[in-house]
Amino acid sequence: MEKVLGIGGLFFRSRNPERLRKWYAEHLGVSYPPDFWHQQAGPTLLAPFTSDTDYFGRMDQQWMVNFRVADLDAMIKQLEAARISVETREEWNSEAGRFARIHDPDGNPIELWQPATVD
């Protein structure tokens, strides 16, 4: 069976796409054309949730992106220094790793994940 190689893009609507592109580049290091963002190889999960989940926040939110990070504490400090609100909850952490949540200027949730180290 032929399989996909990875995620080629994540496309979503915005009232101000240029502002949002700049925000993602400045605060998360995600560039956009003409310079494509080249992510590091690592685990990626495609996980449908039930239609009534409150995990994303607003009930009308249909998606949430999860970005892998190497050092969640350093990322949190960087974001807070930029006056971006970061939410953490102990119940989000698991054997899979540690998690935090931010929102982009359009209010879209972004999950940050520091995978657990594998011994």
N, C-alpha and C. Protein backbone atom coordinates (compact mmCIF):
# COMPACT_ATOMS: atom_id res chain seq x y z
N MET A 1 0.84 -1.18 0.00
CA MET A 1 0.00 0.00 0.00
C MET A 1 0.88 1.24 0.00
N GLU A 2 0.59 2.18 -0.87
CA GLU A 2 1.30 3.47 -0.88
C GLU A 2 0.82 4.29 0.31
N LYS A 3 1.76 4.96 1.01
CA LYS A 3 1.42 5.75 2.19
C LYS A 3 1.89 7.19 2.01
N VAL A 4 1.23 8.10 2.71
CA VAL A 4 1.69 9.48 2.69
C VAL A 4 3.00 9.59 3.46
N LEU A 5 3.79 10.61 3.16
CA LEU A 5 5.10 10.77 3.77
C LEU A 5 5.09 11.68 4.99
N GLY A 6 4.08 12.46 5.14
CA GLY A 6 4.01 13.39 6.26
C GLY A 6 3.00 14.48 5.94
N ILE A 7 2.90 15.44 6.81
CA ILE A 7 1.96 16.54 6.62
C ILE A 7 2.61 17.55 5.69
N GLY A 8 1.94 17.87 4.61
CA GLY A 8 2.45 18.82 3.63
C GLY A 8 2.00 20.23 3.90
N GLY A 9 1.00 20.41 4.71
CA GLY A 9 0.52 21.74 5.04
C GLY A 9 -0.69 21.67 5.94
N LEU A 10 -0.95 22.74 6.62
CA LEU A 10 -2.15 22.88 7.43
C LEU A 10 -2.78 24.19 6.99
N PHE A 11 -3.96 24.12 6.44
CA PHE A 11 -4.60 25.29 5.84
C PHE A 11 -5.83 25.66 6.65
N PHE A 12 -5.97 26.94 6.95
CA PHE A 12 -7.13 27.39 7.70
C PHE A 12 -7.40 28.85 7.37
N ARG A 13 -8.59 29.29 7.66
CA ARG A 13 -9.02 30.65 7.34
C ARG A 13 -8.57 31.63 8.42
N SER A 14 -8.37 32.87 8.00
CA SER A 14 -8.04 33.95 8.92
C SER A 14 -8.56 35.26 8.35
N ARG A 15 -8.99 36.15 9.22
CA ARG A 15 -9.40 37.48 8.76
C ARG A 15 -8.19 38.32 8.36
N ASN A 16 -7.02 37.96 8.89
CA ASN A 16 -5.81 38.71 8.59
C ASN A 16 -4.65 37.72 8.42
N PRO A 17 -4.59 37.00 7.29
CA PRO A 17 -3.58 35.96 7.09
C PRO A 17 -2.14 36.46 7.20
N GLU A 18 -1.86 37.65 6.71
CA GLU A 18 -0.49 38.15 6.77
C GLU A 18 -0.03 38.35 8.22
N ARG A 19 -0.89 38.93 9.05
CA ARG A 19 -0.58 39.11 10.47
C ARG A 19 -0.33 37.76 11.13
N LEU A 20 -1.18 36.78 10.81
CA LEU A 20 -1.05 35.46 11.42
C LEU A 20 0.22 34.77 10.96
N ARG A 21 0.58 34.86 9.69
CA ARG A 21 1.84 34.28 9.20
C ARG A 21 3.02 34.85 9.95
N LYS A 22 3.04 36.16 10.12
CA LYS A 22 4.13 36.83 10.83
C LYS A 22 4.19 36.38 12.30
N TRP A 23 3.03 36.24 12.93
CA TRP A 23 2.98 35.81 14.34
C TRP A 23 3.57 34.41 14.49
N TYR A 24 3.17 33.47 13.63
CA TYR A 24 3.70 32.11 13.69
C TYR A 24 5.20 32.09 13.46
N ALA A 25 5.69 32.91 12.53
CA ALA A 25 7.12 32.96 12.25
C ALA A 25 7.88 33.56 13.43
N GLU A 26 7.38 34.67 13.99
CA GLU A 26 8.08 35.36 15.07
C GLU A 26 8.09 34.56 16.37
N HIS A 27 6.96 33.97 16.74
CA HIS A 27 6.85 33.36 18.06
C HIS A 27 7.09 31.85 18.08
N LEU A 28 6.89 31.17 16.94
CA LEU A 28 7.06 29.72 16.92
C LEU A 28 8.10 29.25 15.91
N GLY A 29 8.62 30.16 15.10
CA GLY A 29 9.64 29.80 14.13
C GLY A 29 9.11 29.04 12.93
N VAL A 30 7.82 29.14 12.68
CA VAL A 30 7.21 28.46 11.54
C VAL A 30 7.18 29.44 10.37
N SER A 31 8.04 29.23 9.39
CA SER A 31 8.12 30.14 8.25
C SER A 31 7.07 29.76 7.21
N TYR A 32 6.96 30.59 6.20
CA TYR A 32 5.96 30.39 5.15
C TYR A 32 6.57 30.77 3.82
N PRO A 33 5.94 30.37 2.70
CA PRO A 33 6.51 30.64 1.39
C PRO A 33 6.87 32.11 1.22
N PRO A 34 7.99 32.36 0.54
CA PRO A 34 8.71 31.42 -0.31
C PRO A 34 9.67 30.50 0.45
N ASP A 35 9.90 30.75 1.74
CA ASP A 35 10.78 29.88 2.54
C ASP A 35 9.92 28.90 3.32
N PHE A 36 9.94 27.64 2.92
CA PHE A 36 9.12 26.65 3.60
C PHE A 36 9.74 26.26 4.94
N TRP A 37 8.89 25.94 5.88
CA TRP A 37 9.32 25.45 7.19
C TRP A 37 9.66 23.98 7.02
N HIS A 38 10.84 23.58 7.44
CA HIS A 38 11.26 22.18 7.39
C HIS A 38 11.29 21.65 8.82
N GLN A 39 10.32 20.80 9.14
CA GLN A 39 10.24 20.30 10.50
C GLN A 39 11.21 19.14 10.71
N GLN A 40 11.58 18.94 11.96
CA GLN A 40 12.44 17.81 12.30
C GLN A 40 11.62 16.54 12.29
N ALA A 41 12.26 15.45 11.91
CA ALA A 41 11.57 14.15 11.95
C ALA A 41 11.23 13.81 13.39
N GLY A 42 10.11 13.18 13.55
CA GLY A 42 9.67 12.79 14.87
C GLY A 42 8.24 12.31 14.81
N PRO A 43 7.70 11.95 15.97
CA PRO A 43 6.34 11.41 15.99
C PRO A 43 5.29 12.44 15.61
N THR A 44 4.30 11.99 14.88
CA THR A 44 3.14 12.80 14.51
C THR A 44 1.91 11.94 14.72
N LEU A 45 0.89 12.52 15.31
CA LEU A 45 -0.32 11.77 15.60
C LEU A 45 -1.50 12.41 14.88
N LEU A 46 -2.26 11.61 14.18
CA LEU A 46 -3.53 12.05 13.60
C LEU A 46 -4.61 11.43 14.49
N ALA A 47 -5.32 12.29 15.23
CA ALA A 47 -6.23 11.76 16.24
C ALA A 47 -7.59 12.45 16.19
N PRO A 48 -8.56 11.85 15.52
CA PRO A 48 -9.92 12.39 15.58
C PRO A 48 -10.46 12.31 17.01
N PHE A 49 -11.15 13.35 17.42
CA PHE A 49 -11.80 13.40 18.73
C PHE A 49 -13.31 13.32 18.53
N THR A 50 -14.04 13.02 19.55
CA THR A 50 -15.50 13.00 19.45
C THR A 50 -15.99 14.42 19.16
N SER A 51 -17.12 14.53 18.52
CA SER A 51 -17.64 15.84 18.11
C SER A 51 -18.02 16.71 19.30
N ASP A 52 -18.21 16.12 20.48
CA ASP A 52 -18.59 16.91 21.65
C ASP A 52 -17.43 17.14 22.63
N THR A 53 -16.18 16.92 22.19
CA THR A 53 -15.04 17.11 23.08
C THR A 53 -14.90 18.58 23.47
N ASP A 54 -14.46 18.83 24.68
CA ASP A 54 -14.15 20.20 25.10
C ASP A 54 -12.63 20.41 25.16
N TYR A 55 -11.88 19.44 24.66
CA TYR A 55 -10.42 19.50 24.74
C TYR A 55 -9.83 20.68 23.98
N PHE A 56 -10.47 21.11 22.88
CA PHE A 56 -9.93 22.20 22.07
C PHE A 56 -10.30 23.58 22.63
N GLY A 57 -11.24 23.61 23.56
CA GLY A 57 -11.71 24.89 24.10
C GLY A 57 -13.12 25.14 23.62
N ARG A 58 -13.27 26.08 22.69
CA ARG A 58 -14.60 26.42 22.18
C ARG A 58 -15.23 25.22 21.47
N MET A 59 -16.52 25.06 21.64
CA MET A 59 -17.22 23.93 21.01
C MET A 59 -17.26 24.06 19.49
N ASP A 60 -17.14 25.27 18.95
CA ASP A 60 -17.16 25.43 17.50
C ASP A 60 -15.78 25.22 16.87
N GLN A 61 -14.76 25.01 17.70
CA GLN A 61 -13.40 24.78 17.19
C GLN A 61 -13.31 23.39 16.61
N GLN A 62 -12.96 23.29 15.33
CA GLN A 62 -12.95 22.01 14.63
C GLN A 62 -11.57 21.35 14.59
N TRP A 63 -10.53 22.06 14.92
CA TRP A 63 -9.18 21.50 14.81
C TRP A 63 -8.28 22.16 15.86
N MET A 64 -7.14 21.54 16.10
CA MET A 64 -6.10 22.11 16.94
C MET A 64 -4.78 21.55 16.45
N VAL A 65 -3.80 22.41 16.26
CA VAL A 65 -2.47 21.95 15.85
C VAL A 65 -1.64 21.69 17.11
N ASN A 66 -0.79 20.68 17.03
CA ASN A 66 0.11 20.31 18.11
C ASN A 66 1.53 20.39 17.55
N PHE A 67 2.37 21.23 18.17
CA PHE A 67 3.76 21.35 17.75
C PHE A 67 4.67 20.69 18.77
N ARG A 68 5.61 19.87 18.28
CA ARG A 68 6.63 19.27 19.15
C ARG A 68 7.67 20.33 19.48
N VAL A 69 8.14 20.35 20.71
CA VAL A 69 9.21 21.25 21.14
C VAL A 69 10.27 20.44 21.89
N ALA A 70 11.50 20.92 21.85
CA ALA A 70 12.59 20.23 22.54
C ALA A 70 12.62 20.56 24.03
N ASP A 71 12.30 21.81 24.38
CA ASP A 71 12.39 22.26 25.77
C ASP A 71 11.16 23.10 26.07
N LEU A 72 10.15 22.49 26.65
CA LEU A 72 8.89 23.17 26.91
C LEU A 72 9.07 24.35 27.86
N ASP A 73 9.90 24.19 28.89
CA ASP A 73 10.10 25.28 29.84
C ASP A 73 10.71 26.50 29.16
N ALA A 74 11.70 26.30 28.30
CA ALA A 74 12.32 27.41 27.57
C ALA A 74 11.30 28.06 26.62
N MET A 75 10.48 27.26 25.96
CA MET A 75 9.47 27.80 25.05
C MET A 75 8.45 28.63 25.83
N ILE A 76 8.04 28.14 26.99
CA ILE A 76 7.08 28.89 27.82
C ILE A 76 7.67 30.24 28.22
N LYS A 77 8.91 30.25 28.66
CA LYS A 77 9.56 31.51 29.05
C LYS A 77 9.63 32.48 27.87
N GLN A 78 9.96 31.98 26.71
CA GLN A 78 10.04 32.80 25.50
C GLN A 78 8.69 33.40 25.16
N LEU A 79 7.64 32.59 25.21
CA LEU A 79 6.31 33.07 24.89
C LEU A 79 5.81 34.08 25.91
N GLU A 80 6.03 33.79 27.19
CA GLU A 80 5.59 34.72 28.23
C GLU A 80 6.35 36.04 28.14
N ALA A 81 7.62 36.01 27.76
CA ALA A 81 8.39 37.24 27.58
C ALA A 81 7.80 38.09 26.45
N ALA A 82 7.15 37.41 25.49
CA ALA A 82 6.48 38.11 24.39
C ALA A 82 5.04 38.46 24.75
N ARG A 83 4.68 38.26 26.01
CA ARG A 83 3.35 38.57 26.53
C ARG A 83 2.26 37.71 25.91
N ILE A 84 2.61 36.45 25.65
CA ILE A 84 1.65 35.47 25.15
C ILE A 84 1.26 34.59 26.32
N SER A 85 -0.01 34.48 26.57
CA SER A 85 -0.52 33.69 27.68
C SER A 85 -0.31 32.20 27.41
N VAL A 86 0.25 31.50 28.38
CA VAL A 86 0.50 30.06 28.26
C VAL A 86 -0.26 29.35 29.38
N GLU A 87 -1.00 28.33 29.00
CA GLU A 87 -1.75 27.54 29.96
C GLU A 87 -1.11 26.16 30.10
N THR A 88 -0.94 25.73 31.33
CA THR A 88 -0.48 24.37 31.60
C THR A 88 -1.44 23.74 32.61
N ARG A 89 -1.60 22.45 32.50
CA ARG A 89 -2.42 21.70 33.46
C ARG A 89 -1.72 20.37 33.70
N GLU A 90 -1.59 20.02 34.94
CA GLU A 90 -0.91 18.77 35.28
C GLU A 90 -1.59 17.57 34.63
N GLU A 91 -2.92 17.60 34.50
CA GLU A 91 -3.63 16.46 33.92
C GLU A 91 -3.36 16.28 32.43
N TRP A 92 -2.82 17.30 31.77
CA TRP A 92 -2.45 17.15 30.36
C TRP A 92 -1.18 16.31 30.21
N ASN A 93 -0.33 16.31 31.22
CA ASN A 93 0.93 15.57 31.14
C ASN A 93 0.67 14.08 31.32
N SER A 94 1.45 13.28 30.61
CA SER A 94 1.25 11.83 30.65
C SER A 94 2.55 11.14 30.34
N GLU A 95 2.48 9.83 30.18
CA GLU A 95 3.67 9.07 29.79
C GLU A 95 4.16 9.49 28.41
N ALA A 96 3.31 10.17 27.63
CA ALA A 96 3.70 10.64 26.31
C ALA A 96 4.57 11.90 26.38
N GLY A 97 4.48 12.65 27.50
CA GLY A 97 5.27 13.85 27.65
C GLY A 97 4.52 14.96 28.36
N ARG A 98 5.02 16.17 28.18
CA ARG A 98 4.44 17.36 28.83
C ARG A 98 3.80 18.26 27.78
N PHE A 99 2.75 18.97 28.19
CA PHE A 99 1.96 19.77 27.26
C PHE A 99 1.69 21.16 27.83
N ALA A 100 1.53 22.11 26.93
CA ALA A 100 1.08 23.46 27.27
C ALA A 100 0.18 23.92 26.13
N ARG A 101 -0.54 24.99 26.36
CA ARG A 101 -1.49 25.49 25.36
C ARG A 101 -1.37 27.00 25.25
N ILE A 102 -1.37 27.48 24.01
CA ILE A 102 -1.45 28.90 23.71
C ILE A 102 -2.53 29.09 22.67
N HIS A 103 -2.81 30.34 22.33
CA HIS A 103 -3.76 30.65 21.27
C HIS A 103 -3.11 31.69 20.35
N ASP A 104 -3.31 31.52 19.05
CA ASP A 104 -2.79 32.50 18.11
C ASP A 104 -3.69 33.74 18.15
N PRO A 105 -3.32 34.82 17.45
CA PRO A 105 -4.13 36.04 17.50
C PRO A 105 -5.57 35.88 17.02
N ASP A 106 -5.86 34.84 16.24
CA ASP A 106 -7.24 34.57 15.82
C ASP A 106 -8.00 33.73 16.84
N GLY A 107 -7.34 33.33 17.92
CA GLY A 107 -7.99 32.52 18.94
C GLY A 107 -7.89 31.03 18.72
N ASN A 108 -7.14 30.58 17.71
CA ASN A 108 -6.98 29.16 17.45
C ASN A 108 -6.07 28.53 18.51
N PRO A 109 -6.48 27.40 19.09
CA PRO A 109 -5.64 26.76 20.09
C PRO A 109 -4.42 26.11 19.45
N ILE A 110 -3.31 26.19 20.15
CA ILE A 110 -2.07 25.55 19.73
C ILE A 110 -1.54 24.78 20.93
N GLU A 111 -1.36 23.49 20.75
CA GLU A 111 -0.80 22.66 21.82
C GLU A 111 0.70 22.51 21.58
N LEU A 112 1.47 22.69 22.62
CA LEU A 112 2.91 22.50 22.57
C LEU A 112 3.23 21.23 23.34
N TRP A 113 4.05 20.37 22.75
CA TRP A 113 4.31 19.05 23.31
C TRP A 113 5.80 18.78 23.37
N GLN A 114 6.28 18.49 24.57
CA GLN A 114 7.64 18.01 24.75
C GLN A 114 7.53 16.51 24.97
N PRO A 115 7.85 15.70 23.95
CA PRO A 115 7.71 14.25 24.11
C PRO A 115 8.58 13.74 25.25
N ALA A 116 8.10 12.69 25.89
CA ALA A 116 8.88 12.03 26.94
C ALA A 116 10.11 11.40 26.29
N THR A 117 11.20 11.43 27.00
CA THR A 117 12.40 10.79 26.46
C THR A 117 12.24 9.29 26.52
N VAL A 118 12.79 8.64 25.54
CA VAL A 118 12.71 7.18 25.46
C VAL A 118 14.03 6.63 25.96
N ASP A 119 13.97 5.80 26.98
CA ASP A 119 15.19 5.19 27.53
C ASP A 119 15.61 3.99 26.74
